[in-house]
Amino acid sequence: MITQNQFISEAKRILDTIGQTPEERKRYEWCRKSLLDYNTNMRGSHQEGLEEGLQKGREEVQELALHKVAKSMLKQNLPIETIVLTTGLS
């Protein structure tokens, strides 16, 4: 929901833009577009970073689980060859 302050700020921005020369308006629009592009790229980069972090976390958890299984198998005196074949660890 747009607050009254946001509405007033946007109205002021529009009025300021109307009073600009064509060159000033072109420069303003270029700056505004650059800022919007930057924000979009940052959001995309942030999302990629989150996804990479989650994937790495999943892989680490899986690796820890395999080590836990291997330790349990060792405690049961299972042959190393069986543990390696079962867990894929080496």
N, C-alpha and C. Protein backbone atom coordinates (compact mmCIF):
# COMPACT_ATOMS: atom_id res chain seq x y z
N MET A 1 0.85 -1.17 0.00
CA MET A 1 0.00 0.00 0.00
C MET A 1 0.90 1.24 0.00
N ILE A 2 0.55 2.18 -0.81
CA ILE A 2 1.34 3.42 -0.94
C ILE A 2 0.95 4.37 0.18
N THR A 3 1.96 4.85 0.90
CA THR A 3 1.69 5.82 1.96
C THR A 3 1.55 7.20 1.33
N GLN A 4 1.04 8.13 2.13
CA GLN A 4 0.85 9.49 1.64
C GLN A 4 2.20 10.11 1.29
N ASN A 5 3.24 9.85 2.09
CA ASN A 5 4.57 10.39 1.81
C ASN A 5 5.13 9.85 0.48
N GLN A 6 4.91 8.57 0.22
CA GLN A 6 5.38 7.99 -1.04
C GLN A 6 4.64 8.62 -2.23
N PHE A 7 3.34 8.83 -2.06
CA PHE A 7 2.54 9.44 -3.11
C PHE A 7 3.03 10.86 -3.40
N ILE A 8 3.28 11.62 -2.35
CA ILE A 8 3.75 13.00 -2.51
C ILE A 8 5.13 13.02 -3.15
N SER A 9 6.01 12.12 -2.74
CA SER A 9 7.35 12.04 -3.33
C SER A 9 7.28 11.72 -4.82
N GLU A 10 6.42 10.80 -5.18
CA GLU A 10 6.29 10.44 -6.60
C GLU A 10 5.68 11.59 -7.39
N ALA A 11 4.70 12.28 -6.84
CA ALA A 11 4.10 13.43 -7.52
C ALA A 11 5.14 14.53 -7.72
N LYS A 12 5.97 14.78 -6.73
CA LYS A 12 7.03 15.78 -6.84
C LYS A 12 8.03 15.38 -7.93
N ARG A 13 8.38 14.10 -7.96
CA ARG A 13 9.32 13.62 -8.98
C ARG A 13 8.76 13.84 -10.38
N ILE A 14 7.48 13.57 -10.55
CA ILE A 14 6.85 13.76 -11.85
C ILE A 14 6.83 15.24 -12.23
N LEU A 15 6.47 16.09 -11.29
CA LEU A 15 6.45 17.53 -11.57
C LEU A 15 7.85 18.05 -11.91
N ASP A 16 8.85 17.57 -11.19
CA ASP A 16 10.23 17.98 -11.49
C ASP A 16 10.64 17.55 -12.89
N THR A 17 10.20 16.37 -13.28
CA THR A 17 10.54 15.85 -14.61
C THR A 17 9.88 16.67 -15.71
N ILE A 18 8.65 17.07 -15.49
CA ILE A 18 7.92 17.85 -16.49
C ILE A 18 8.63 19.17 -16.79
N GLY A 19 9.22 19.78 -15.77
CA GLY A 19 9.87 21.07 -15.94
C GLY A 19 11.28 20.99 -16.52
N GLN A 20 11.75 19.81 -16.84
CA GLN A 20 13.11 19.67 -17.36
C GLN A 20 13.17 19.93 -18.86
N THR A 21 14.35 20.34 -19.31
CA THR A 21 14.58 20.46 -20.75
C THR A 21 14.68 19.05 -21.31
N PRO A 22 14.53 18.89 -22.63
CA PRO A 22 14.66 17.55 -23.21
C PRO A 22 15.98 16.87 -22.86
N GLU A 23 17.07 17.62 -22.84
CA GLU A 23 18.38 17.05 -22.51
C GLU A 23 18.41 16.61 -21.04
N GLU A 24 17.87 17.43 -20.15
CA GLU A 24 17.83 17.07 -18.72
C GLU A 24 16.96 15.83 -18.50
N ARG A 25 15.84 15.79 -19.20
CA ARG A 25 14.92 14.65 -19.07
C ARG A 25 15.59 13.37 -19.57
N LYS A 26 16.31 13.49 -20.68
CA LYS A 26 17.01 12.33 -21.24
C LYS A 26 18.05 11.81 -20.24
N ARG A 27 18.81 12.72 -19.66
CA ARG A 27 19.83 12.36 -18.68
C ARG A 27 19.17 11.74 -17.44
N TYR A 28 18.07 12.33 -17.00
CA TYR A 28 17.34 11.80 -15.83
C TYR A 28 16.85 10.37 -16.11
N GLU A 29 16.24 10.18 -17.26
CA GLU A 29 15.70 8.86 -17.60
C GLU A 29 16.83 7.83 -17.72
N TRP A 30 17.98 8.25 -18.27
CA TRP A 30 19.12 7.35 -18.37
C TRP A 30 19.58 6.93 -16.97
N CYS A 31 19.69 7.90 -16.05
CA CYS A 31 20.11 7.60 -14.67
C CYS A 31 19.09 6.70 -13.98
N ARG A 32 17.83 6.99 -14.18
CA ARG A 32 16.77 6.19 -13.55
C ARG A 32 16.80 4.76 -14.07
N LYS A 33 16.96 4.61 -15.39
CA LYS A 33 17.04 3.28 -15.98
C LYS A 33 18.26 2.53 -15.47
N SER A 34 19.39 3.23 -15.36
CA SER A 34 20.61 2.60 -14.85
C SER A 34 20.40 2.10 -13.43
N LEU A 35 19.75 2.89 -12.61
CA LEU A 35 19.49 2.50 -11.23
C LEU A 35 18.55 1.29 -11.16
N LEU A 36 17.50 1.31 -11.98
CA LEU A 36 16.58 0.17 -12.01
C LEU A 36 17.28 -1.09 -12.49
N ASP A 37 18.12 -0.97 -13.52
CA ASP A 37 18.88 -2.12 -14.02
C ASP A 37 19.82 -2.66 -12.94
N TYR A 38 20.49 -1.76 -12.25
CA TYR A 38 21.41 -2.15 -11.18
C TYR A 38 20.65 -2.92 -10.09
N ASN A 39 19.51 -2.38 -9.67
CA ASN A 39 18.72 -3.05 -8.62
C ASN A 39 18.24 -4.42 -9.07
N THR A 40 17.83 -4.52 -10.33
CA THR A 40 17.39 -5.80 -10.87
C THR A 40 18.54 -6.80 -10.87
N ASN A 41 19.70 -6.37 -11.32
CA ASN A 41 20.87 -7.26 -11.34
C ASN A 41 21.27 -7.69 -9.94
N MET A 42 21.20 -6.77 -8.99
CA MET A 42 21.56 -7.11 -7.61
C MET A 42 20.59 -8.13 -7.03
N ARG A 43 19.30 -7.97 -7.31
CA ARG A 43 18.33 -8.95 -6.83
C ARG A 43 18.60 -10.32 -7.44
N GLY A 44 18.93 -10.34 -8.74
CA GLY A 44 19.24 -11.61 -9.39
C GLY A 44 20.48 -12.25 -8.82
N SER A 45 21.51 -11.44 -8.58
CA SER A 45 22.75 -11.95 -8.00
C SER A 45 22.51 -12.47 -6.59
N HIS A 46 21.71 -11.75 -5.84
CA HIS A 46 21.40 -12.16 -4.48
C HIS A 46 20.69 -13.52 -4.49
N GLN A 47 19.74 -13.67 -5.39
CA GLN A 47 18.98 -14.93 -5.50
C GLN A 47 19.91 -16.07 -5.90
N GLU A 48 20.81 -15.81 -6.86
CA GLU A 48 21.77 -16.84 -7.27
C GLU A 48 22.64 -17.25 -6.10
N GLY A 49 23.10 -16.28 -5.33
CA GLY A 49 23.94 -16.57 -4.17
C GLY A 49 23.20 -17.41 -3.13
N LEU A 50 21.95 -17.09 -2.90
CA LEU A 50 21.15 -17.88 -1.97
C LEU A 50 21.01 -19.32 -2.45
N GLU A 51 20.71 -19.48 -3.73
CA GLU A 51 20.54 -20.83 -4.28
C GLU A 51 21.84 -21.63 -4.20
N GLU A 52 22.97 -20.98 -4.51
CA GLU A 52 24.26 -21.66 -4.42
C GLU A 52 24.56 -22.06 -2.99
N GLY A 53 24.28 -21.17 -2.05
CA GLY A 53 24.51 -21.47 -0.64
C GLY A 53 23.66 -22.62 -0.15
N LEU A 54 22.39 -22.64 -0.56
CA LEU A 54 21.51 -23.73 -0.17
C LEU A 54 22.00 -25.06 -0.74
N GLN A 55 22.41 -25.04 -2.00
CA GLN A 55 22.91 -26.26 -2.63
C GLN A 55 24.16 -26.76 -1.91
N LYS A 56 25.08 -25.86 -1.59
CA LYS A 56 26.30 -26.24 -0.89
C LYS A 56 25.95 -26.83 0.48
N GLY A 57 25.01 -26.21 1.16
CA GLY A 57 24.57 -26.72 2.46
C GLY A 57 24.00 -28.12 2.36
N ARG A 58 23.19 -28.37 1.34
CA ARG A 58 22.62 -29.71 1.14
C ARG A 58 23.72 -30.73 0.91
N GLU A 59 24.71 -30.35 0.08
CA GLU A 59 25.81 -31.26 -0.21
C GLU A 59 26.61 -31.57 1.06
N GLU A 60 26.84 -30.56 1.89
CA GLU A 60 27.59 -30.76 3.13
C GLU A 60 26.83 -31.68 4.09
N VAL A 61 25.52 -31.50 4.18
CA VAL A 61 24.70 -32.35 5.03
C VAL A 61 24.75 -33.78 4.54
N GLN A 62 24.67 -33.96 3.23
CA GLN A 62 24.72 -35.31 2.66
C GLN A 62 26.07 -35.96 2.96
N GLU A 63 27.15 -35.20 2.83
CA GLU A 63 28.49 -35.71 3.12
C GLU A 63 28.61 -36.11 4.59
N LEU A 64 28.08 -35.27 5.49
CA LEU A 64 28.11 -35.59 6.92
C LEU A 64 27.31 -36.85 7.22
N ALA A 65 26.18 -37.01 6.56
CA ALA A 65 25.36 -38.20 6.77
C ALA A 65 26.11 -39.45 6.31
N LEU A 66 26.82 -39.37 5.20
CA LEU A 66 27.59 -40.52 4.72
C LEU A 66 28.70 -40.88 5.71
N HIS A 67 29.35 -39.86 6.26
CA HIS A 67 30.39 -40.13 7.26
C HIS A 67 29.80 -40.79 8.51
N LYS A 68 28.61 -40.36 8.90
CA LYS A 68 27.95 -40.94 10.07
C LYS A 68 27.62 -42.40 9.81
N VAL A 69 27.13 -42.69 8.63
CA VAL A 69 26.82 -44.07 8.26
C VAL A 69 28.10 -44.90 8.25
N ALA A 70 29.17 -44.37 7.68
CA ALA A 70 30.44 -45.09 7.61
C ALA A 70 30.96 -45.39 9.02
N LYS A 71 30.89 -44.42 9.93
CA LYS A 71 31.34 -44.65 11.30
C LYS A 71 30.52 -45.75 11.97
N SER A 72 29.22 -45.72 11.74
CA SER A 72 28.35 -46.75 12.31
C SER A 72 28.72 -48.12 11.76
N MET A 73 29.00 -48.18 10.48
CA MET A 73 29.38 -49.45 9.86
C MET A 73 30.72 -49.94 10.41
N LEU A 74 31.63 -49.01 10.65
CA LEU A 74 32.93 -49.39 11.24
C LEU A 74 32.74 -49.97 12.64
N LYS A 75 31.84 -49.35 13.43
CA LYS A 75 31.57 -49.85 14.78
C LYS A 75 30.98 -51.25 14.75
N GLN A 76 30.31 -51.58 13.65
CA GLN A 76 29.73 -52.92 13.50
C GLN A 76 30.74 -53.91 12.92
N ASN A 77 31.99 -53.43 12.79
CA ASN A 77 33.09 -54.27 12.27
C ASN A 77 32.83 -54.80 10.86
N LEU A 78 32.13 -54.01 10.05
CA LEU A 78 31.93 -54.39 8.64
C LEU A 78 33.22 -54.15 7.89
N PRO A 79 33.47 -54.94 6.84
CA PRO A 79 34.70 -54.78 6.07
C PRO A 79 34.76 -53.39 5.40
N ILE A 80 35.96 -52.83 5.33
CA ILE A 80 36.16 -51.51 4.71
C ILE A 80 35.62 -51.52 3.29
N GLU A 81 35.84 -52.61 2.56
CA GLU A 81 35.37 -52.69 1.17
C GLU A 81 33.86 -52.51 1.10
N THR A 82 33.14 -53.10 2.05
CA THR A 82 31.68 -52.98 2.08
C THR A 82 31.28 -51.53 2.37
N ILE A 83 31.98 -50.90 3.30
CA ILE A 83 31.68 -49.51 3.66
C ILE A 83 31.92 -48.60 2.47
N VAL A 84 33.04 -48.79 1.77
CA VAL A 84 33.36 -47.96 0.60
C VAL A 84 32.30 -48.16 -0.49
N LEU A 85 31.92 -49.40 -0.75
CA LEU A 85 30.91 -49.67 -1.78
C LEU A 85 29.56 -49.10 -1.39
N THR A 86 29.21 -49.19 -0.12
CA THR A 86 27.91 -48.72 0.34
C THR A 86 27.79 -47.20 0.35
N THR A 87 28.84 -46.52 0.85
CA THR A 87 28.75 -45.07 1.02
C THR A 87 29.32 -44.28 -0.16
N GLY A 88 30.20 -44.91 -0.92
CA GLY A 88 30.85 -44.18 -2.01
C GLY A 88 32.03 -43.38 -1.53
N LEU A 89 32.31 -43.44 -0.22
CA LEU A 89 33.48 -42.74 0.33
C LEU A 89 34.74 -43.54 0.03
N SER A 90 35.85 -42.86 0.01
CA SER A 90 37.10 -43.57 -0.21
C SER A 90 38.16 -43.12 0.77
